[in-house]
């Protein structure tokens, strides 16, 4: 299928202050664990040196949940996408600390990565945990979960591939339900267990309910 042309960003780069450890990790470890969109389509077996299933997480934040699931499941390969460099640096440092070999990272727009780098029908699973809810109605067009994006995700998943989305905003949960009910590309299924994210913990402290959605590619 033709890729999505990015016109409206679903994120704002809030760089924030990088700690010395995060900066050092970016400087010293990116060449080992980082992936570049300029490299065009990638071959998972070449990158990971195995034929294991490959799972993609979009927007991993500081990387705590991706790190935990990669540690728990060494039989899978994981690719994480995040635009915020402090989170990328934090995950790089933790990958090295735990000596993991099954994670690679893009510091780029997910739309660009999916369009340019991920082959169709290649991913076992896609995970999207707590994307920016853009709560103001005038900003809803910025939300990541849109019909065209779901169509793009569908093209990258293997047959019967799994999509996991979570949010702590009721209006966004309703939006996700509406988009996914109308799509012809997925059917609803039971959400898989997953690690709790730091963002999720903050949301719970504020009294937010958590919505987890699981979908299977048709």
Foldseek 3Di string as FASTA:
>chain_A
DAADDDDFALDDAPQDDADPQLVVLCVPPCVPFEDDLVVFADDVCVQLVDDAAEEEEEACALPPQVLVVCVVCVSYAYEYEHQHSNSVSNVSSVCVVVVGRRYHYYNDRPSSCLNTYAAFQRHQEYEYEARPCLPDPVCNVSHCDDLSNVVSVLRRHHAFHKYKYKHQDPVVVVVNCVSVVPDPFKDWDDADDTDQDPVNVVSVVVVTDMDMTMITTD
